[in-house]
Protein backbone atom coordinates (compact mmCIF):
# COMPACT_ATOMS: atom_id res chain seq x y z
CA MET A 1 -9.95 9.88 -10.39
CA ASP A 2 -13.71 9.95 -11.37
CA VAL A 3 -16.15 12.73 -11.04
CA SER A 4 -18.21 11.21 -8.22
CA TYR A 5 -15.16 11.37 -6.10
CA HIS A 6 -14.77 15.09 -6.47
CA LEU A 7 -18.45 15.56 -5.92
CA LEU A 8 -18.16 13.59 -2.61
CA GLN A 9 -15.84 16.23 -1.33
CA MET A 10 -18.87 18.55 -1.02
CA ARG A 11 -21.11 18.55 2.07
CA PRO A 12 -24.06 16.19 1.52
CA PHE A 13 -26.72 18.96 1.71
CA VAL A 14 -24.73 21.13 -0.67
CA LEU A 15 -24.30 18.23 -3.03
CA LEU A 16 -27.98 17.36 -2.95
CA THR A 17 -28.96 21.00 -3.57
CA ALA A 18 -26.49 21.28 -6.43
CA ILE A 19 -27.57 18.07 -8.20
CA VAL A 20 -31.34 18.56 -7.72
CA PHE A 21 -31.11 22.25 -8.75
CA THR A 22 -29.15 21.33 -11.90
CA PHE A 23 -31.51 18.63 -13.07
CA GLY A 24 -34.58 20.65 -12.06
CA LEU A 25 -33.22 23.66 -14.05
CA MET A 26 -32.65 21.50 -17.04
CA GLY A 27 -36.21 20.30 -16.99
CA GLY A 28 -37.82 23.65 -16.22
CA LEU A 29 -35.75 26.04 -18.39
CA GLY A 30 -35.45 23.49 -21.16
CA THR A 31 -39.23 23.23 -21.30
CA TYR A 32 -39.60 27.00 -21.29
CA PHE A 33 -37.23 27.70 -24.09
CA PHE A 34 -38.52 24.69 -26.07
CA ARG A 35 -42.08 26.01 -25.85
CA LYS A 36 -40.96 29.54 -26.63
CA TYR A 37 -38.77 28.97 -29.70
CA THR A 38 -40.42 25.91 -31.30
CA ARG A 39 -43.71 25.95 -33.06
CA LEU A 40 -44.74 22.33 -33.36
CA LYS A 41 -48.33 21.74 -34.60
CA TYR A 42 -49.77 19.02 -32.40
CA LYS A 43 -52.62 16.70 -33.22
CA ASP A 44 -54.39 14.59 -30.66
CA GLY A 45 -52.92 11.47 -32.20
CA HIS A 46 -49.41 12.91 -31.96
CA ASN A 47 -49.76 13.63 -28.30
CA GLU A 48 -51.01 10.16 -27.57
CA VAL A 49 -48.03 8.69 -29.31
CA VAL A 50 -45.61 10.92 -27.32
CA GLY A 51 -47.33 9.98 -24.06
CA TYR A 52 -47.18 6.34 -24.97
CA ILE A 53 -43.48 6.51 -25.74
CA PHE A 54 -42.81 8.56 -22.61
CA GLY A 55 -44.56 5.98 -20.47
CA ILE A 56 -42.57 3.04 -21.90
CA LEU A 57 -39.18 4.90 -21.82
CA GLY A 58 -39.88 6.27 -18.35
CA GLY A 59 -40.66 2.86 -17.09
CA PHE A 60 -37.45 1.34 -18.59
CA TYR A 61 -35.38 4.28 -17.26
CA GLY A 62 -36.89 3.79 -13.79
CA LEU A 63 -35.91 0.11 -13.91
CA LEU A 64 -32.32 1.25 -14.90
CA LEU A 65 -32.19 3.66 -11.97
CA GLY A 66 -33.54 1.09 -9.62
CA PHE A 67 -30.98 -1.50 -10.73
CA VAL A 68 -28.03 0.94 -10.27
CA VAL A 69 -29.29 2.05 -6.86
CA PHE A 70 -29.74 -1.62 -5.78
CA PHE A 71 -26.25 -2.39 -7.10
CA VAL A 72 -24.42 0.38 -5.32
CA TRP A 73 -26.44 -0.13 -2.06
CA ASP A 74 -25.62 -3.79 -2.08
CA THR A 75 -21.95 -3.03 -2.67
CA LEU A 76 -22.05 -0.60 0.33
CA ASN A 77 -23.65 -3.14 2.62
CA GLN A 78 -21.18 -5.81 1.50
CA ALA A 79 -18.32 -3.42 2.17
CA GLN A 80 -19.66 -2.60 5.60
CA ASN A 81 -20.10 -6.32 6.47
CA ASN A 82 -16.62 -7.11 5.32
CA THR A 83 -15.10 -4.28 7.31
CA ASN A 84 -17.07 -5.23 10.43
CA GLN A 85 -15.91 -8.87 10.07
CA GLU A 86 -12.28 -7.75 9.61
CA GLY A 87 -12.61 -5.44 12.70
CA SER A 88 -14.05 -8.21 14.86
CA LEU A 89 -11.30 -10.54 13.87
CA ALA A 90 -8.69 -7.82 14.56
CA ARG A 91 -10.00 -7.32 18.05
CA GLY A 92 -10.17 -11.06 18.67
CA LEU A 93 -6.54 -11.39 17.58
CA TYR A 94 -5.54 -8.50 19.77
CA ARG A 95 -7.07 -10.20 22.87
CA ASP A 96 -5.36 -13.46 21.92
CA ILE A 97 -1.98 -11.72 21.89
CA LYS A 98 -2.53 -9.55 24.92
CA TYR A 99 -3.78 -12.35 27.27
CA PHE A 100 -1.35 -15.01 26.10
CA PRO A 101 0.13 -16.66 29.26
CA ASP A 102 3.76 -15.93 28.33
CA THR A 103 3.59 -12.18 27.97
CA ASP A 104 7.34 -11.70 27.50
CA LYS A 105 7.22 -14.07 24.36
CA MET A 106 4.30 -11.97 23.02
CA LYS A 107 5.97 -8.53 23.33
CA PRO A 108 7.61 -8.52 19.82
CA LEU A 109 4.41 -9.80 18.22
CA MET A 110 2.29 -7.23 20.10
CA HIS A 111 4.65 -4.51 18.99
CA CYS A 112 4.28 -5.51 15.32
CA TYR A 113 0.48 -5.85 15.76
CA ILE A 114 0.02 -2.44 17.24
CA ALA A 115 2.15 -0.97 14.46
CA TYR A 116 -0.12 -2.65 11.99
CA VAL A 117 -3.33 -1.28 13.61
CA HIS A 118 -1.79 2.23 13.52
CA SER A 119 -1.05 1.72 9.82
CA VAL A 120 -4.71 0.73 9.14
CA VAL A 121 -6.11 3.73 10.97
CA GLU A 122 -3.56 6.34 9.88
CA SER A 123 -2.52 5.19 6.45
CA GLU A 124 -4.74 2.53 4.83
CA PHE A 125 -8.14 4.07 5.39
CA PRO A 126 -7.15 7.63 4.42
CA SER A 127 -5.60 6.24 1.30
CA MET A 128 -8.74 4.35 0.48
CA GLU A 129 -10.75 7.52 1.11
CA LYS A 130 -8.70 9.25 -1.58
CA LEU A 131 -9.03 6.20 -3.91
CA GLN A 132 -5.32 5.61 -3.70
CA PRO A 133 -3.86 2.00 -3.77
CA LEU A 134 -2.21 0.69 -0.68
CA THR A 135 1.55 1.01 -0.62
CA SER A 136 4.26 -1.56 0.02
CA ARG A 137 4.76 0.11 3.42
CA ASP A 138 1.19 -0.68 4.35
CA ARG A 139 1.62 -4.33 3.33
CA LYS A 140 4.98 -4.50 5.19
CA TYR A 141 3.25 -3.82 8.57
CA PHE A 142 0.89 -6.74 8.07
CA ASN A 143 3.51 -9.12 6.82
CA ASN A 144 5.67 -8.30 9.89
CA VAL A 145 2.78 -9.74 12.05
CA PHE A 146 3.00 -13.03 10.09
CA ARG A 147 6.75 -13.17 10.45
CA GLU A 148 6.65 -12.75 14.22
CA MET A 149 3.91 -15.23 14.55
CA GLU A 150 5.94 -17.80 12.65
CA LYS A 151 8.58 -17.65 15.43
CA LEU A 152 6.06 -19.03 17.94
CA ASP A 153 5.54 -22.74 18.78
CA PRO A 154 3.18 -24.13 16.11
CA ASN A 155 2.21 -27.02 18.40
CA ASP A 156 0.62 -24.76 20.93
CA THR A 157 -3.17 -24.75 20.50
CA ARG A 158 -3.35 -21.02 21.45
CA VAL A 159 -0.84 -20.19 18.72
CA GLU A 160 -2.73 -22.37 16.29
CA GLN A 161 -5.91 -20.38 17.05
CA MET A 162 -4.04 -17.17 16.60
CA PHE A 163 -2.80 -18.29 13.16
CA LYS A 164 -6.38 -19.02 12.16
CA HIS A 165 -7.56 -15.58 13.30
CA LEU A 166 -4.74 -14.00 11.39
CA ASN A 167 -5.48 -15.87 8.17
CA ASP A 168 -9.16 -14.98 8.43
CA LEU A 169 -8.13 -11.35 9.11
CA ALA A 170 -5.97 -11.43 5.90
CA THR A 171 -8.98 -12.65 3.93
CA TYR A 172 -11.34 -9.93 5.06
CA ARG A 173 -8.60 -7.35 4.74
CA GLY A 174 -8.24 -8.30 1.10
CA LEU A 175 -12.01 -8.11 0.62
CA ARG A 176 -12.06 -4.57 2.16
CA GLN A 177 -9.39 -3.45 -0.29
CA LEU A 178 -11.44 -4.88 -3.21
CA ASP A 179 -14.56 -3.14 -1.92
CA GLY A 180 -12.58 0.16 -1.83
CA GLU A 181 -11.68 -0.12 -5.48
CA SER A 182 -15.28 -0.78 -6.67
CA ASP A 183 -17.23 2.06 -8.28
CA ILE A 184 -19.66 2.66 -11.11
CA PRO A 185 -17.72 2.69 -14.41
CA THR A 186 -18.02 5.40 -17.00
CA GLU A 187 -19.74 2.91 -19.27
CA ILE A 188 -22.71 2.96 -16.92
CA TRP A 189 -22.61 6.62 -15.97
CA VAL A 190 -22.92 7.68 -19.71
CA PRO A 191 -26.17 5.79 -20.48
CA LEU A 192 -27.58 6.63 -17.02
CA LEU A 193 -27.15 10.46 -17.65
CA LEU A 194 -28.04 10.17 -21.31
CA GLY A 195 -31.20 8.32 -20.38
CA GLY A 196 -32.25 11.09 -17.95
CA PHE A 197 -31.58 13.67 -20.70
CA ILE A 198 -33.83 11.69 -23.18
CA ILE A 199 -36.64 11.44 -20.58
CA LEU A 200 -36.55 15.23 -20.08
CA VAL A 201 -36.59 15.86 -23.85
CA ILE A 202 -39.59 13.55 -24.40
CA ALA A 203 -41.36 15.28 -21.42
CA MET A 204 -40.96 18.57 -23.23
CA LEU A 205 -42.71 17.13 -26.31
CA VAL A 206 -45.85 16.24 -24.30
CA LYS A 207 -48.69 18.72 -25.11
CA VAL A 208 -49.70 20.76 -22.04
CA GLU A 209 -51.89 23.84 -22.57
CA SER A 210 -50.41 25.84 -19.75
CA VAL A 211 -46.77 26.77 -20.21
CA GLY A 212 -46.26 27.37 -16.52
CA LEU A 213 -47.78 24.02 -15.54
CA HIS A 214 -45.63 22.27 -18.19
CA CYS A 215 -42.42 23.90 -16.90
CA GLY A 216 -43.33 23.13 -13.30
CA ILE A 217 -44.06 19.39 -14.01
CA ASN A 218 -40.74 19.03 -15.93
CA THR A 219 -38.84 20.87 -13.23
CA MET A 220 -40.17 18.41 -10.67
CA LEU A 221 -39.31 15.44 -12.97
CA GLY A 222 -35.82 16.75 -13.42
CA ALA A 223 -35.43 17.22 -9.68
CA PHE A 224 -36.58 13.66 -8.96
CA ILE A 225 -34.05 12.32 -11.38
CA GLY A 226 -31.41 14.45 -9.67
CA ILE A 227 -32.47 12.98 -6.25
CA VAL A 228 -31.86 9.46 -7.54
CA ILE A 229 -28.54 10.46 -9.11
CA TYR A 230 -27.53 12.04 -5.78
CA LEU A 231 -28.28 8.72 -3.94
CA ILE A 232 -26.07 6.83 -6.41
CA VAL A 233 -23.20 9.30 -6.05
CA ILE A 234 -23.11 9.37 -2.16
CA ILE A 235 -23.03 5.57 -1.93
CA ASP A 236 -20.84 4.84 -4.93
CA HIS A 237 -17.59 4.90 -2.94
CA PRO A 238 -18.05 3.11 0.43
CA PHE A 239 -14.85 4.63 1.96
CA THR A 240 -15.25 8.26 0.71
CA GLY A 241 -17.49 11.11 1.75
CA ASP A 242 -19.46 11.86 4.90
CA LEU A 243 -21.11 8.44 4.82
CA LYS A 244 -17.80 6.61 4.50
CA ILE A 245 -16.97 3.47 6.42
CA VAL A 246 -14.51 4.10 9.23
CA PRO A 247 -12.11 1.74 11.04
CA THR A 248 -14.15 1.74 14.31
CA GLN A 249 -12.90 -1.64 15.51
CA TYR A 250 -9.26 -0.78 14.90
CA LYS A 251 -9.70 2.53 16.74
CA LEU A 252 -11.18 0.59 19.71
CA ILE A 253 -8.00 -1.59 19.75
CA LEU A 254 -5.86 1.52 20.16
CA GLN A 255 -8.11 2.68 22.99
CA MET A 256 -7.87 -0.72 24.70
CA GLU A 257 -4.03 -0.52 24.33
CA HIS A 258 -3.97 2.73 26.26
CA GLU A 259 -6.39 1.73 29.01
């Protein structure tokens, strides 16, 4: 279980404060101790080279951060869209079953379908929130719906439409499970954090006459890097944290069933 999952157990404001404070402290205190305990003799040419390198690396690091933010944001939007599509199909299938002319024939199927909906709300989404794989019990509830529908007359156009909805639902359910397993791998986190550290170190090498001004600027630079890292963390796992995707449509089905 990765570090970002544990960080997401914190409240968003607390997490933001902790990350920004940590990176800002690294920039500010690191600059202060660097200026205090090192005695580098700068020449104007040296400072120009450092500033030139800082500009280039800062630009590349900004591109890296932008790429990662775009990647996780696109993943979040895709997960939300897939979940919405799944929920819409689930509600449509519920109405197909509920308003089928032969209600007695639909009772076993409705019983299995409501059991599946309960499983999604009470088991599948909580498991995905904890980054745990779905169990055979979760799959059993969905497979039971298929088994009951296979007992219906396949020549009935209404049953044929229900089968189509169920197959589409299975597709988006699978996509939702894949979205829940997506996250930023360690191989990307390491260069992301290492790049931020390098940028802060180079910022300490820039010649600024005022120690206080130098510490303040690097504190703000570290805080800004922390803000971007915070954004990446909170949207890294679509189904975890306060911004998690919830099974709204499935909950509406349960509400409709009790009306």
